[in-house]
Amino acid sequence: MKYLSALAGLLSGAIMPSVAHGEPLPHEPTWLQLEYELSAKRSDGQSSGTSRGRQALIETVMEERPDGVVLQYDLPHDEEDKASSGFWYFPARVVERQDGSLELLDQPLVEARIDRWLKTHKIPKEACGMWSHGGGFPFKVDCDPQSILDQIEAFDLRIPDLMTGADYSHALDEAPGTLKALPAARSGYSVTFTVDQSKARAGEVANALILAQMLGKDLTRQQAEEDAEKIGFQGSIMIEFDLDPAGTVIRKQERIEIMVTRPDEEVETKTSLIIVTRLGMEDALEKFAD
């Protein structure tokens, strides 16, 4: 998940995935709950922005195959709510390989759904890939079926090869970190990283280009890169994985803190906290469904 990506979700009743006659019966679905908090604070102690929210997906194991596991993901809304939400991403089916990589299934069906979404909202295809600012946060006119995989990966707790001493990587890391066991009172692992300045700077460039596009300002990539070169980035990442007695990851907590030093020596500290939890359907509906 990108560091400053905007997340939004409204929760209501859950639905059960349908299974065509003759297919293997799916496993019982589970609820994946993502909660996030993003904040920024200047060196004078003043807050320059805070946002928080939650979002959820329903994950169901549909089939176990030699090449991986077929998973279905859907929003925890009833059909009426889903129809009005405007989301085209879900429901979606993927194959998850043993190495954790994902492959989207039924892409032609997804492409047809995108076409209907564009027509329903009267969005020209030429607008695909453009950014706007609807609902108080950046909004991309996303027409790429593969974007579904980015959505799913933000929630994915099916993480292979977790063990003490193993390497683990993060999109912003300077180098892979080494997994360590959590304190004895908890079963699981933790890992820490140093933020790579060049990767953080690339994120700054991307955000600047998006903002310029939304505001209708002229900004070339070269100018954005030159501006970003004048900014210093220093930060850390910490991830914790909690396991149940069967060794399954049931909770992941990721905290990123980056100190941004601008040319005028103004310092801003940006913090991202993202927690993903796996719950049984009954527990989740009792806890989260409004």
Protein backbone atom coordinates (compact mmCIF):
# COMPACT_ATOMS: atom_id res chain seq x y z
CA MET A 1 0.00 0.00 0.00
CA LYS A 2 1.31 3.44 -0.83
CA TYR A 3 2.25 5.52 2.24
CA LEU A 4 -0.25 8.32 1.64
CA SER A 5 -2.96 6.36 -0.16
CA ALA A 6 -6.50 7.30 0.84
CA LEU A 7 -8.79 4.59 2.16
CA ALA A 8 -12.53 4.77 2.71
CA GLY A 9 -15.22 2.25 3.59
CA LEU A 10 -18.72 2.00 4.99
CA LEU A 11 -19.74 -1.24 6.68
CA SER A 12 -23.13 -2.89 6.76
CA GLY A 13 -24.45 -6.44 6.49
CA ALA A 14 -22.25 -9.24 5.11
CA ILE A 15 -23.10 -11.38 2.09
CA MET A 16 -22.12 -14.96 1.41
CA PRO A 17 -20.38 -15.75 -1.90
CA SER A 18 -22.38 -17.82 -4.36
CA VAL A 19 -21.08 -21.16 -5.68
CA ALA A 20 -22.13 -22.59 -9.02
CA HIS A 21 -23.54 -26.13 -9.12
CA GLY A 22 -20.79 -28.74 -9.38
CA GLU A 23 -17.98 -26.56 -7.94
CA PRO A 24 -16.24 -27.58 -4.71
CA LEU A 25 -17.90 -26.02 -1.69
CA PRO A 26 -15.91 -23.03 -0.40
CA HIS A 27 -14.42 -22.76 3.04
CA GLU A 28 -16.21 -20.56 5.54
CA PRO A 29 -15.56 -16.89 4.74
CA THR A 30 -13.56 -14.69 7.08
CA TRP A 31 -13.62 -10.94 7.64
CA LEU A 32 -10.48 -8.86 7.02
CA GLN A 33 -10.62 -5.53 8.85
CA LEU A 34 -8.20 -2.73 7.93
CA GLU A 35 -7.92 0.29 10.23
CA TYR A 36 -5.61 3.18 9.49
CA GLU A 37 -4.44 6.47 10.94
CA LEU A 38 -2.31 9.00 9.04
CA SER A 39 -0.88 12.08 10.73
CA ALA A 40 1.62 14.86 10.07
CA LYS A 41 3.17 17.22 12.60
CA ARG A 42 5.46 20.21 11.99
CA SER A 43 8.59 20.96 14.00
CA ASP A 44 6.72 23.73 15.85
CA GLY A 45 4.44 21.07 17.30
CA GLN A 46 1.42 22.02 15.20
CA SER A 47 -0.53 19.29 13.44
CA SER A 48 -0.66 19.70 9.67
CA GLY A 49 -3.16 16.92 9.04
CA THR A 50 -4.73 13.79 10.49
CA SER A 51 -7.04 11.20 8.99
CA ARG A 52 -8.30 7.83 10.13
CA GLY A 53 -10.78 5.25 8.98
CA ARG A 54 -11.53 1.60 8.40
CA GLN A 55 -12.33 -0.69 5.52
CA ALA A 56 -13.14 -4.37 5.17
CA LEU A 57 -13.12 -7.29 2.76
CA ILE A 58 -14.61 -10.77 2.95
CA GLU A 59 -12.14 -13.51 2.00
CA THR A 60 -13.29 -17.00 1.01
CA VAL A 61 -11.15 -19.97 -0.03
CA MET A 62 -13.01 -21.26 -3.09
CA GLU A 63 -10.69 -24.03 -4.29
CA GLU A 64 -7.27 -25.54 -3.60
CA ARG A 65 -5.38 -26.31 -6.81
CA PRO A 66 -1.89 -27.65 -7.62
CA ASP A 67 -0.80 -24.18 -8.74
CA GLY A 68 -2.21 -22.34 -5.73
CA VAL A 69 -5.34 -21.39 -3.82
CA VAL A 70 -8.36 -19.74 -5.48
CA LEU A 71 -9.66 -16.94 -3.26
CA GLN A 72 -12.73 -14.75 -3.63
CA TYR A 73 -12.87 -11.24 -2.17
CA ASP A 74 -15.99 -9.17 -1.75
CA LEU A 75 -17.22 -6.11 0.10
CA PRO A 76 -19.22 -6.67 3.29
CA HIS A 77 -22.28 -4.92 1.89
CA ASP A 78 -25.64 -6.22 0.79
CA GLU A 79 -26.47 -6.07 -2.92
CA GLU A 80 -28.29 -2.73 -2.72
CA ASP A 81 -25.38 -1.06 -0.92
CA LYS A 82 -22.87 -2.46 -3.41
CA ALA A 83 -24.89 -1.25 -6.37
CA SER A 84 -24.93 2.30 -4.99
CA SER A 85 -21.29 2.36 -3.87
CA GLY A 86 -19.90 2.61 -7.40
CA PHE A 87 -17.07 0.14 -6.68
CA TRP A 88 -16.11 -2.05 -9.64
CA TYR A 89 -13.22 -3.84 -7.93
CA PHE A 90 -15.32 -6.49 -6.20
CA PRO A 91 -16.29 -9.28 -6.18
CA ALA A 92 -12.99 -10.62 -7.50
CA ARG A 93 -11.32 -14.01 -7.72
CA VAL A 94 -7.56 -14.55 -7.65
CA VAL A 95 -5.07 -17.39 -7.51
CA GLU A 96 -2.52 -17.03 -4.74
CA ARG A 97 0.71 -18.93 -5.46
CA GLN A 98 2.86 -20.58 -2.81
CA ASP A 99 5.25 -17.60 -2.93
CA GLY A 100 2.37 -15.24 -2.08
CA SER A 101 2.03 -13.72 -5.58
CA LEU A 102 -1.48 -13.07 -6.91
CA GLU A 103 -3.04 -13.58 -10.34
CA LEU A 104 -6.41 -12.13 -11.26
CA LEU A 105 -8.99 -14.56 -12.63
CA ASP A 106 -11.96 -13.77 -14.89
CA GLN A 107 -10.37 -10.59 -16.27
CA PRO A 108 -12.86 -10.29 -19.19
CA LEU A 109 -15.71 -10.15 -16.65
CA VAL A 110 -13.90 -7.42 -14.73
CA GLU A 111 -13.29 -5.44 -17.93
CA ALA A 112 -17.00 -5.61 -18.75
CA ARG A 113 -17.77 -4.35 -15.24
CA ILE A 114 -15.40 -1.41 -15.74
CA ASP A 115 -17.15 -0.52 -19.02
CA ARG A 116 -20.53 -0.53 -17.24
CA TRP A 117 -19.07 1.60 -14.44
CA LEU A 118 -17.78 4.20 -16.91
CA LYS A 119 -21.13 4.36 -18.73
CA THR A 120 -23.16 4.52 -15.51
CA HIS A 121 -21.13 7.46 -14.20
CA LYS A 122 -20.79 9.08 -17.64
CA ILE A 123 -16.99 9.01 -17.47
CA PRO A 124 -15.18 9.10 -20.85
CA LYS A 125 -12.47 6.48 -21.34
CA GLU A 126 -10.01 9.30 -21.97
CA ALA A 127 -10.28 10.16 -18.26
CA CYS A 128 -8.87 6.78 -17.20
CA GLY A 129 -5.73 7.22 -15.12
CA MET A 130 -6.55 10.84 -14.23
CA TRP A 131 -6.84 12.12 -10.65
CA SER A 132 -9.55 14.25 -9.08
CA HIS A 133 -10.53 15.21 -5.54
CA GLY A 134 -13.99 13.86 -4.75
CA GLY A 135 -15.28 13.23 -1.23
CA GLY A 136 -12.42 15.11 0.40
CA PHE A 137 -9.61 12.81 -0.74
CA PRO A 138 -7.71 12.15 -3.98
CA PHE A 139 -9.63 9.94 -6.38
CA LYS A 140 -8.15 8.17 -9.37
CA VAL A 141 -10.32 7.26 -12.35
CA ASP A 142 -9.04 3.70 -12.27
CA CYS A 143 -9.81 1.50 -15.27
CA ASP A 144 -7.05 -1.09 -14.85
CA PRO A 145 -8.30 -4.58 -13.84
CA GLN A 146 -4.91 -5.34 -12.28
CA SER A 147 -5.56 -2.61 -9.69
CA ILE A 148 -7.69 -5.18 -7.90
CA LEU A 149 -4.48 -6.92 -6.83
CA ASP A 150 -3.23 -3.72 -5.14
CA GLN A 151 -6.51 -3.50 -3.23
CA ILE A 152 -6.27 -7.12 -2.07
CA GLU A 153 -2.59 -6.91 -1.12
CA ALA A 154 -3.39 -4.17 1.39
CA PHE A 155 -5.52 -6.72 3.31
CA ASP A 156 -3.55 -9.90 2.62
CA LEU A 157 -2.58 -11.84 5.77
CA ARG A 158 -1.71 -15.04 3.88
CA ILE A 159 2.03 -14.41 4.26
CA PRO A 160 4.41 -17.29 3.43
CA ASP A 161 7.77 -18.18 5.02
CA LEU A 162 7.44 -16.34 8.33
CA MET A 163 10.10 -17.70 10.69
CA THR A 164 12.75 -16.38 13.04
CA GLY A 165 15.84 -15.29 11.12
CA ALA A 166 14.13 -15.10 7.72
CA ASP A 167 14.44 -11.99 5.54
CA TYR A 168 11.38 -9.82 4.97
CA SER A 169 11.09 -6.85 2.60
CA HIS A 170 9.02 -3.67 2.41
CA ALA A 171 8.39 -1.38 -0.55
CA LEU A 172 10.17 1.52 1.20
CA ASP A 173 13.05 -0.39 2.79
CA GLU A 174 16.73 0.43 2.35
CA ALA A 175 17.48 -3.29 2.78
CA PRO A 176 15.50 -6.38 3.86
CA GLY A 177 14.92 -6.82 7.59
CA THR A 178 15.30 -9.94 9.71
CA LEU A 179 12.26 -11.45 11.42
CA LYS A 180 12.48 -11.79 15.21
CA ALA A 181 10.13 -13.56 17.60
CA LEU A 182 7.70 -11.35 19.53
CA PRO A 183 7.95 -11.28 23.35
CA ALA A 184 6.95 -14.53 25.06
CA ALA A 185 3.45 -13.27 25.90
CA ARG A 186 2.65 -13.13 22.17
CA SER A 187 3.06 -15.62 19.34
CA GLY A 188 4.42 -14.05 16.18
CA TYR A 189 7.21 -12.00 14.65
CA SER A 190 8.44 -8.44 14.26
CA VAL A 191 10.76 -6.76 11.77
CA THR A 192 12.19 -3.26 11.44
CA PHE A 193 13.60 -1.33 8.48
CA THR A 194 15.29 1.94 7.63
CA VAL A 195 13.43 3.99 5.02
CA ASP A 196 15.29 4.35 1.71
CA GLN A 197 15.62 8.04 0.83
CA SER A 198 15.39 7.43 -2.92
CA LYS A 199 12.16 5.45 -2.53
CA ALA A 200 10.63 8.09 -0.25
CA ARG A 201 11.71 10.76 -2.74
CA ALA A 202 10.00 8.85 -5.57
CA GLY A 203 6.80 8.92 -3.52
CA GLU A 204 7.18 12.68 -3.08
CA VAL A 205 7.51 13.09 -6.86
CA ALA A 206 4.40 10.98 -7.50
CA ASN A 207 2.37 12.96 -4.94
CA ALA A 208 3.52 16.30 -6.40
CA LEU A 209 2.49 15.25 -9.91
CA ILE A 210 -0.91 14.06 -8.68
CA LEU A 211 -1.51 17.33 -6.80
CA ALA A 212 -0.52 19.40 -9.83
CA GLN A 213 -2.89 17.42 -12.02
CA MET A 214 -5.80 17.91 -9.59
CA LEU A 215 -5.13 21.66 -9.31
CA GLY A 216 -4.62 22.10 -13.05
CA LYS A 217 -1.03 23.28 -12.64
CA ASP A 218 1.82 22.64 -15.07
CA LEU A 219 4.52 20.48 -13.50
CA THR A 220 6.90 18.27 -15.44
CA ARG A 221 8.36 15.10 -13.95
CA GLN A 222 11.84 16.63 -14.29
CA GLN A 223 10.82 19.68 -12.24
CA ALA A 224 9.12 17.49 -9.62
CA GLU A 225 12.28 15.36 -9.36
CA GLU A 226 14.49 18.45 -9.02
CA ASP A 227 12.24 19.80 -6.25
CA ALA A 228 12.28 16.46 -4.44
CA GLU A 229 16.09 16.31 -4.56
CA LYS A 230 16.14 19.33 -2.23
CA ILE A 231 14.12 17.45 0.41
CA GLY A 232 15.65 15.15 3.01
CA PHE A 233 13.93 11.97 4.23
CA GLN A 234 14.79 9.96 7.32
CA GLY A 235 12.56 7.30 8.80
CA SER A 236 11.82 3.83 10.07
CA ILE A 237 9.30 1.06 9.52
CA MET A 238 8.15 -1.52 12.08
CA ILE A 239 5.86 -4.46 11.33
CA GLU A 240 4.43 -6.98 13.79
CA PHE A 241 2.64 -10.22 12.90
CA ASP A 242 0.44 -11.99 15.48
CA LEU A 243 -0.31 -15.69 15.00
CA ASP A 244 -3.09 -17.93 16.30
CA PRO A 245 -2.31 -21.37 17.87
CA ALA A 246 -2.40 -22.96 14.38
CA GLY A 247 0.34 -20.60 13.16
CA THR A 248 -1.98 -18.49 10.96
CA VAL A 249 -1.42 -14.72 10.82
CA ILE A 250 -4.46 -13.06 12.40
CA ARG A 251 -3.12 -9.53 12.84
CA LYS A 252 -0.56 -7.33 11.12
CA GLN A 253 0.46 -3.91 12.42
CA GLU A 254 2.62 -1.63 10.28
CA ARG A 255 3.95 1.70 11.55
CA ILE A 256 5.93 4.05 9.31
CA GLU A 257 7.47 7.29 10.58
CA ILE A 258 9.27 9.62 8.17
CA MET A 259 10.91 12.94 9.05
CA VAL A 260 10.76 15.28 6.04
CA THR A 261 13.21 18.21 5.97
CA ARG A 262 12.43 20.85 3.35
CA PRO A 263 14.86 23.43 1.84
CA ASP A 264 13.74 26.15 4.29
CA GLU A 265 14.70 23.69 7.09
CA GLU A 266 11.08 23.21 8.09
CA VAL A 267 10.72 19.68 9.45
CA GLU A 268 7.53 17.65 9.22
CA THR A 269 7.07 14.19 10.71
CA LYS A 270 4.63 11.93 8.85
CA THR A 271 3.28 8.85 10.61
CA SER A 272 1.23 6.00 9.15
CA LEU A 273 -0.31 3.25 11.29
CA ILE A 274 -2.14 0.43 9.50
CA ILE A 275 -3.62 -2.59 11.29
CA VAL A 276 -5.19 -5.54 9.47
CA THR A 277 -7.07 -8.16 11.51
CA ARG A 278 -8.67 -11.48 10.52
CA LEU A 279 -11.94 -12.28 12.30
CA GLY A 280 -14.69 -14.84 12.12
CA MET A 281 -17.87 -13.52 10.52
CA GLU A 282 -19.98 -13.56 13.67
CA ASP A 283 -17.33 -11.76 15.74
CA ALA A 284 -16.77 -9.19 13.01
CA LEU A 285 -20.44 -8.41 12.48
CA GLU A 286 -20.94 -7.97 16.21
CA LYS A 287 -17.91 -5.71 16.49
CA PHE A 288 -17.95 -3.68 13.28
CA ALA A 289 -21.29 -3.81 11.43
CA ASP A 290 -23.31 -0.69 12.21
